[in-house]
Protein backbone atom coordinates (compact mmCIF):
# COMPACT_ATOMS: atom_id res chain seq x y z
CA UNK A 1 29.02 -15.92 -6.55
CA UNK A 2 25.47 -16.27 -7.83
CA UNK A 3 24.81 -14.69 -11.19
CA UNK A 4 22.35 -11.77 -11.03
CA UNK A 5 18.99 -12.33 -12.71
CA UNK A 6 17.15 -9.66 -14.66
CA UNK A 7 13.40 -9.30 -15.09
CA UNK A 8 11.15 -6.56 -16.37
CA UNK A 9 8.19 -5.45 -14.28
CA UNK A 10 5.13 -6.15 -16.41
CA UNK A 11 3.05 -3.28 -15.05
CA UNK A 12 5.62 -0.48 -15.07
CA UNK A 13 8.21 -1.61 -17.63
CA UNK A 14 11.06 -1.04 -15.15
CA UNK A 15 13.94 -3.51 -15.04
CA UNK A 16 14.72 -5.41 -11.83
CA UNK A 17 18.10 -6.97 -11.14
CA UNK A 18 18.07 -9.81 -8.59
CA UNK A 19 21.53 -9.79 -7.03
CA UNK A 20 21.36 -12.02 -3.96
CA UNK A 21 24.99 -11.56 -2.94
CA UNK A 22 24.25 -7.91 -2.20
CA UNK A 23 22.22 -9.00 0.82
CA UNK A 24 25.54 -9.85 2.49
CA UNK A 25 26.59 -6.20 2.56
CA UNK A 26 26.71 -4.90 6.17
CA UNK A 27 24.17 -2.14 5.59
CA UNK A 28 21.71 -3.99 3.35
CA UNK A 29 19.07 -4.62 6.01
CA UNK A 30 20.00 -1.84 8.41
CA UNK A 31 17.00 0.02 9.80
CA UNK A 32 16.90 3.64 10.88
CA UNK A 33 15.68 4.13 14.42
CA UNK A 34 12.27 5.80 14.49
CA UNK A 35 11.94 8.90 16.61
CA UNK A 36 8.69 8.66 18.54
CA UNK A 37 6.85 11.91 19.11
CA UNK A 38 5.69 12.12 22.78
CA UNK A 39 1.91 11.93 23.20
CA UNK A 40 1.65 15.47 24.54
CA UNK A 41 2.97 16.79 21.20
CA UNK A 42 1.22 14.35 18.86
CA UNK A 43 -1.49 16.01 16.72
CA UNK A 44 -3.15 12.64 16.09
CA UNK A 45 -3.89 11.91 19.75
CA UNK A 46 -7.42 12.77 20.91
CA UNK A 47 -6.15 15.04 23.67
CA UNK A 48 -4.49 17.22 21.02
CA UNK A 49 -7.32 17.45 18.51
CA UNK A 50 -6.92 21.24 18.53
CA UNK A 51 -3.66 20.72 16.60
CA UNK A 52 -5.52 19.48 13.51
CA UNK A 53 -7.55 21.64 11.09
CA UNK A 54 -10.79 19.89 12.07
CA UNK A 55 -12.53 16.51 11.90
CA UNK A 56 -14.11 15.24 8.69
CA UNK A 57 -15.31 11.96 10.18
CA UNK A 58 -14.94 9.94 13.37
CA UNK A 59 -16.22 6.56 14.47
CA UNK A 60 -18.55 6.58 17.44
CA UNK A 61 -15.74 5.61 19.84
CA UNK A 62 -13.22 7.98 18.20
CA UNK A 63 -10.87 5.06 17.55
CA UNK A 64 -10.65 6.06 13.87
CA UNK A 65 -10.78 9.63 12.57
CA UNK A 66 -10.31 11.48 9.30
CA UNK A 67 -8.89 15.00 9.40
CA UNK A 68 -7.64 17.39 6.72
CA UNK A 69 -3.88 17.26 6.25
CA UNK A 70 -2.41 20.33 7.93
CA UNK A 71 0.25 20.55 5.21
CA UNK A 72 -1.53 19.40 2.01
CA UNK A 73 0.36 19.18 -1.26
CA UNK A 74 -2.89 20.11 -3.04
CA UNK A 75 -6.30 21.43 -2.01
CA UNK A 76 -9.66 22.44 -3.40
CA UNK A 77 -8.96 26.17 -3.17
CA UNK A 78 -6.35 26.48 -5.88
CA UNK A 79 -6.76 26.12 -9.64
CA UNK A 80 -5.90 22.41 -9.54
CA UNK A 81 -8.59 20.69 -7.49
CA UNK A 82 -7.46 18.20 -4.89
CA UNK A 83 -8.12 16.78 -1.43
CA UNK A 84 -5.47 15.58 1.00
CA UNK A 85 -6.76 13.82 4.13
CA UNK A 86 -5.14 12.02 7.04
CA UNK A 87 -6.88 8.88 8.30
CA UNK A 88 -5.83 8.27 11.92
CA UNK A 89 -6.36 4.53 12.30
CA UNK A 90 -6.06 4.17 16.08
CA UNK A 91 -6.58 6.25 19.22
CA UNK A 92 -3.64 4.46 20.87
CA UNK A 93 -0.49 6.50 20.29
CA UNK A 94 1.79 3.46 20.39
CA UNK A 95 -0.37 0.79 18.68
CA UNK A 96 0.95 -0.42 15.30
CA UNK A 97 -1.37 -1.79 12.62
CA UNK A 98 0.13 -5.25 13.11
CA UNK A 99 -1.58 -5.34 16.53
CA UNK A 100 -5.06 -4.30 15.37
CA UNK A 101 -7.91 -6.74 16.04
CA UNK A 102 -9.97 -8.25 13.23
CA UNK A 103 -12.91 -6.02 14.19
CA UNK A 104 -10.78 -2.88 14.27
CA UNK A 105 -9.36 -3.67 10.83
CA UNK A 106 -12.93 -4.07 9.54
CA UNK A 107 -13.90 -0.66 10.94
CA UNK A 108 -10.79 0.83 9.36
CA UNK A 109 -11.55 -0.65 5.94
CA UNK A 110 -15.19 0.43 6.24
CA UNK A 111 -14.12 4.00 7.04
CA UNK A 112 -11.63 3.97 4.19
CA UNK A 113 -14.27 2.78 1.73
CA UNK A 114 -16.76 5.39 2.92
CA UNK A 115 -14.31 8.25 2.36
CA UNK A 116 -13.17 6.78 -0.97
CA UNK A 117 -16.76 6.74 -2.23
CA UNK A 118 -17.34 10.31 -1.08
CA UNK A 119 -14.27 11.58 -2.90
CA UNK A 120 -14.82 9.74 -6.18
CA UNK A 121 -18.40 11.05 -6.38
CA UNK A 122 -17.05 14.58 -6.82
CA UNK A 123 -17.09 15.29 -10.60
CA UNK A 124 -13.80 17.17 -10.27
CA UNK A 125 -12.05 14.05 -8.97
CA UNK A 126 -10.37 11.83 -11.55
CA UNK A 127 -8.35 9.58 -9.25
CA UNK A 128 -8.23 8.67 -5.54
CA UNK A 129 -5.03 7.29 -4.00
CA UNK A 130 -4.82 5.76 -0.51
CA UNK A 131 -1.46 5.03 1.08
CA UNK A 132 0.30 4.50 4.38
CA UNK A 133 3.81 5.63 5.35
CA UNK A 134 5.03 3.71 8.40
CA UNK A 135 8.41 4.60 9.84
CA UNK A 136 11.11 7.15 9.14
CA UNK A 137 12.49 5.49 6.01
CA UNK A 138 8.98 5.33 4.51
CA UNK A 139 8.47 9.08 4.79
CA UNK A 140 6.30 9.21 7.91
CA UNK A 141 6.54 12.53 9.74
CA UNK A 142 4.43 11.29 12.69
CA UNK A 143 4.97 8.06 14.61
CA UNK A 144 1.26 7.72 15.51
CA UNK A 145 -0.18 5.20 13.03
CA UNK A 146 -2.09 6.80 10.16
CA UNK A 147 -2.92 6.71 6.44
CA UNK A 148 -3.28 9.41 3.81
CA UNK A 149 -6.06 9.77 1.24
CA UNK A 150 -5.72 12.02 -1.79
CA UNK A 151 -8.19 12.95 -4.50
CA UNK A 152 -6.74 14.40 -7.70
CA UNK A 153 -8.07 16.19 -10.76
CA UNK A 154 -5.66 14.16 -12.93
CA UNK A 155 -4.78 10.51 -13.41
CA UNK A 156 -1.07 10.15 -12.51
CA UNK A 157 1.38 9.00 -15.21
CA UNK A 158 2.13 5.72 -13.44
CA UNK A 159 -1.56 4.80 -13.37
CA UNK A 160 -2.02 5.91 -16.99
CA UNK A 161 0.83 3.63 -18.03
CA UNK A 162 -0.56 0.66 -16.08
CA UNK A 163 -4.00 1.19 -17.58
CA UNK A 164 -2.50 1.08 -21.07
CA UNK A 165 -0.54 -2.10 -20.31
CA UNK A 166 -3.55 -3.84 -18.75
CA UNK A 167 -5.89 -2.78 -21.55
CA UNK A 168 -3.48 -4.11 -24.16
CA UNK A 169 -3.16 -7.42 -22.27
CA UNK A 170 -6.95 -7.69 -22.02
CA UNK A 171 -7.43 -7.08 -25.74
CA UNK A 172 -4.64 -9.49 -26.77
CA UNK A 173 -5.54 -12.31 -24.37
CA UNK A 174 -9.16 -13.03 -25.30
CA UNK A 175 -10.54 -10.40 -22.92
CA UNK A 176 -8.83 -11.82 -19.84
CA UNK A 177 -7.66 -9.70 -16.93
CA UNK A 178 -3.91 -9.87 -16.32
CA UNK A 179 -4.30 -10.32 -12.56
CA UNK A 180 -7.09 -12.91 -12.91
CA UNK A 181 -4.70 -14.88 -15.15
CA UNK A 182 -1.67 -14.85 -12.83
CA UNK A 183 0.20 -18.03 -11.93
CA UNK A 184 1.41 -17.58 -8.35
CA UNK A 185 3.62 -20.67 -8.29
CA UNK A 186 5.26 -21.07 -4.88
CA UNK A 187 5.17 -17.35 -4.18
CA UNK A 188 1.95 -17.36 -2.11
CA UNK A 189 2.38 -16.00 1.41
CA UNK A 190 -1.20 -16.32 2.68
CA UNK A 191 -4.75 -16.51 1.40
CA UNK A 192 -8.33 -16.52 2.66
CA UNK A 193 -11.75 -16.90 1.05
CA UNK A 194 -11.57 -13.58 -0.80
CA UNK A 195 -7.92 -12.55 -1.11
CA UNK A 196 -4.44 -13.83 -1.87
CA UNK A 197 -1.15 -12.34 -0.67
CA UNK A 198 1.91 -13.17 -2.75
CA UNK A 199 5.36 -12.03 -3.85
CA UNK A 200 5.29 -10.74 -7.45
CA UNK A 201 7.58 -12.66 -9.82
CA UNK A 202 8.93 -9.31 -11.04
CA UNK A 203 8.89 -7.53 -7.68
CA UNK A 204 11.17 -4.54 -7.30
CA UNK A 205 11.46 -4.67 -3.51
CA UNK A 206 12.86 -7.40 -1.25
CA UNK A 207 9.97 -8.97 0.70
CA UNK A 208 7.49 -6.71 -1.10
CA UNK A 209 4.01 -8.25 -1.22
CA UNK A 210 0.89 -7.71 -3.31
CA UNK A 211 -2.66 -8.52 -2.19
CA UNK A 212 -5.35 -9.33 -4.76
CA UNK A 213 -9.08 -10.06 -4.57
CA UNK A 214 -9.72 -13.56 -5.90
CA UNK A 215 -12.63 -12.31 -7.99
CA UNK A 216 -12.38 -9.44 -10.44
CA UNK A 217 -12.93 -6.22 -8.47
CA UNK A 218 -11.69 -2.97 -9.92
CA UNK A 219 -12.10 -0.63 -6.96
CA UNK A 220 -12.24 -0.44 -3.18
CA UNK A 221 -15.72 1.03 -3.58
CA UNK A 222 -16.99 -2.36 -4.83
CA UNK A 223 -16.01 -4.42 -1.77
CA UNK A 224 -18.79 -6.13 0.18
CA UNK A 225 -18.74 -6.15 3.99
CA UNK A 226 -17.27 -9.67 4.09
CA UNK A 227 -14.61 -8.65 1.56
CA UNK A 228 -13.72 -5.58 3.63
CA UNK A 229 -13.33 -7.82 6.67
CA UNK A 230 -11.15 -10.37 4.89
CA UNK A 231 -9.07 -7.68 3.21
CA UNK A 232 -8.39 -6.09 6.59
CA UNK A 233 -7.30 -9.40 8.08
CA UNK A 234 -4.92 -10.41 5.27
CA UNK A 235 -3.44 -6.90 5.11
CA UNK A 236 -2.83 -6.88 8.86
CA UNK A 237 -1.33 -10.37 8.73
CA UNK A 238 0.98 -9.49 5.84
CA UNK A 239 2.32 -6.48 7.71
CA UNK A 240 2.68 -8.57 10.86
CA UNK A 241 4.76 -11.13 8.98
CA UNK A 242 6.99 -8.39 7.59
CA UNK A 243 7.64 -6.60 10.90
CA UNK A 244 8.21 -9.93 12.65
CA UNK A 245 10.80 -10.98 10.07
CA UNK A 246 12.46 -7.56 9.97
CA UNK A 247 11.88 -5.89 13.32
CA UNK A 248 11.74 -2.11 13.11
CA UNK A 249 11.40 -2.04 9.32
CA UNK A 250 9.75 0.96 7.70
CA UNK A 251 7.19 0.23 4.99
CA UNK A 252 4.58 1.74 2.69
CA UNK A 253 1.16 0.36 1.83
CA UNK A 254 -0.45 1.55 -1.43
CA UNK A 255 -3.98 0.73 -2.57
CA UNK A 256 -4.66 0.86 -6.31
CA UNK A 257 -8.20 1.26 -7.63
CA UNK A 258 -9.38 2.04 -11.16
CA UNK A 259 -10.02 5.73 -11.87
CA UNK A 260 -13.55 6.87 -11.09
CA UNK A 261 -14.63 7.15 -14.74
CA UNK A 262 -15.47 3.42 -14.78
CA UNK A 263 -14.19 2.90 -18.33
CA UNK A 264 -11.25 0.78 -17.16
CA UNK A 265 -13.12 -1.56 -14.80
CA UNK A 266 -13.16 -4.59 -17.07
CA UNK A 267 -9.37 -4.87 -17.19
CA UNK A 268 -8.16 -3.09 -14.04
CA UNK A 269 -8.01 -5.32 -10.97
CA UNK A 270 -7.77 -3.71 -7.51
CA UNK A 271 -4.56 -4.55 -5.67
CA UNK A 272 -2.63 -3.53 -2.58
CA UNK A 273 1.15 -3.23 -2.51
CA UNK A 274 3.29 -3.53 0.63
CA UNK A 275 6.71 -1.99 0.09
CA UNK A 276 9.44 -2.65 2.70
CA UNK A 277 11.97 0.18 2.81
CA UNK A 278 15.15 -1.86 2.77
CA UNK A 279 18.35 -0.12 1.73
CA UNK A 280 18.35 3.05 -0.34
CA UNK A 281 18.06 4.02 -3.96
CA UNK A 282 21.44 5.24 -5.17
CA UNK A 283 23.11 6.49 -8.35
CA UNK A 284 22.35 3.47 -10.53
CA UNK A 285 18.67 3.37 -9.56
CA UNK A 286 18.14 7.10 -10.11
CA UNK A 287 20.17 7.35 -13.31
CA UNK A 288 18.98 4.15 -14.99
CA UNK A 289 15.46 3.96 -13.59
CA UNK A 290 16.07 0.34 -12.60
CA UNK A 291 15.84 -1.52 -9.30
CA UNK A 292 18.13 -3.95 -7.47
CA UNK A 293 16.45 -6.62 -5.36
CA UNK A 294 18.69 -8.74 -3.14
CA UNK A 295 16.13 -11.51 -2.35
CA UNK A 296 14.55 -13.83 -4.92
CA UNK A 297 10.70 -13.84 -4.93
CA UNK A 298 10.45 -17.53 -4.02
CA UNK A 299 12.84 -17.08 -1.07
CA UNK A 300 10.92 -14.02 0.14
CA UNK A 301 7.64 -15.92 0.03
CA UNK A 302 9.04 -18.91 1.91
CA UNK A 303 10.47 -16.80 4.72
CA UNK A 304 7.31 -14.72 5.15
CA UNK A 305 5.01 -17.74 4.85
CA UNK A 306 6.88 -19.55 7.63
CA UNK A 307 6.58 -16.68 10.11
CA UNK A 308 4.41 -17.66 13.09
CA UNK A 309 2.00 -14.77 13.60
CA UNK A 310 -0.10 -16.52 16.25
């Protein structure tokens, strides 16, 4: 039996136990079947646009649309300001993001950036979070591919904690950004001119990947057109590698930008996190606030890097 390893996640302070023998358990990589909503009942299909509260934005060909979330967890009408949007990233009911073309990914990133900029310009907004739930285990209530965009009047505790950690690193390391100073070792999955996709050395999730801009960029709002294009491509490719390796896997994608105040830009580095939903959190995870990862970072990177995505 291999001895478990323990690491502490630098950004969050949470402990991660690498216990590779646990991957041998029968249910470790079991995926829940995803119930597909028929097109005639899907609120994200163009034919059913009447099922949504309205359209905030649509590309000229209607391939990408932003609509208000029909069931928001926060809105601008109550005492705590907030916005909760749904970004429908394809008009094709059955098309996953892993099949999107380079050009479609660029249009998606361009739309995402446009809405991000709109929301952060509101003086009531303190933080904008963009995320994607894909599959039943990732919390998706609709099978039609989509993202969610939220604008909040507060900076969440997790982000506050990360800002404190990154500021302290910056001040103690001769004004160097933590992410700009990373050593990726043999944990790189893919890279292009502007971005690098890798497995974090202290990653909490098996096959979980991070994507970083190679230059210091603190927010999605700062991306140039070429950076939007290259970000879209490497994000699509990373997801394609994951779903090829683990067919039917549910996953989340989270984009992290510095809060809109601008005061954290010098030490906060934009990054994207891809979280495969493998296994389930149980008593130990909930009670101790720790994570168990059954695949070592270097092994995850090697397997994903060797996937032929065409």
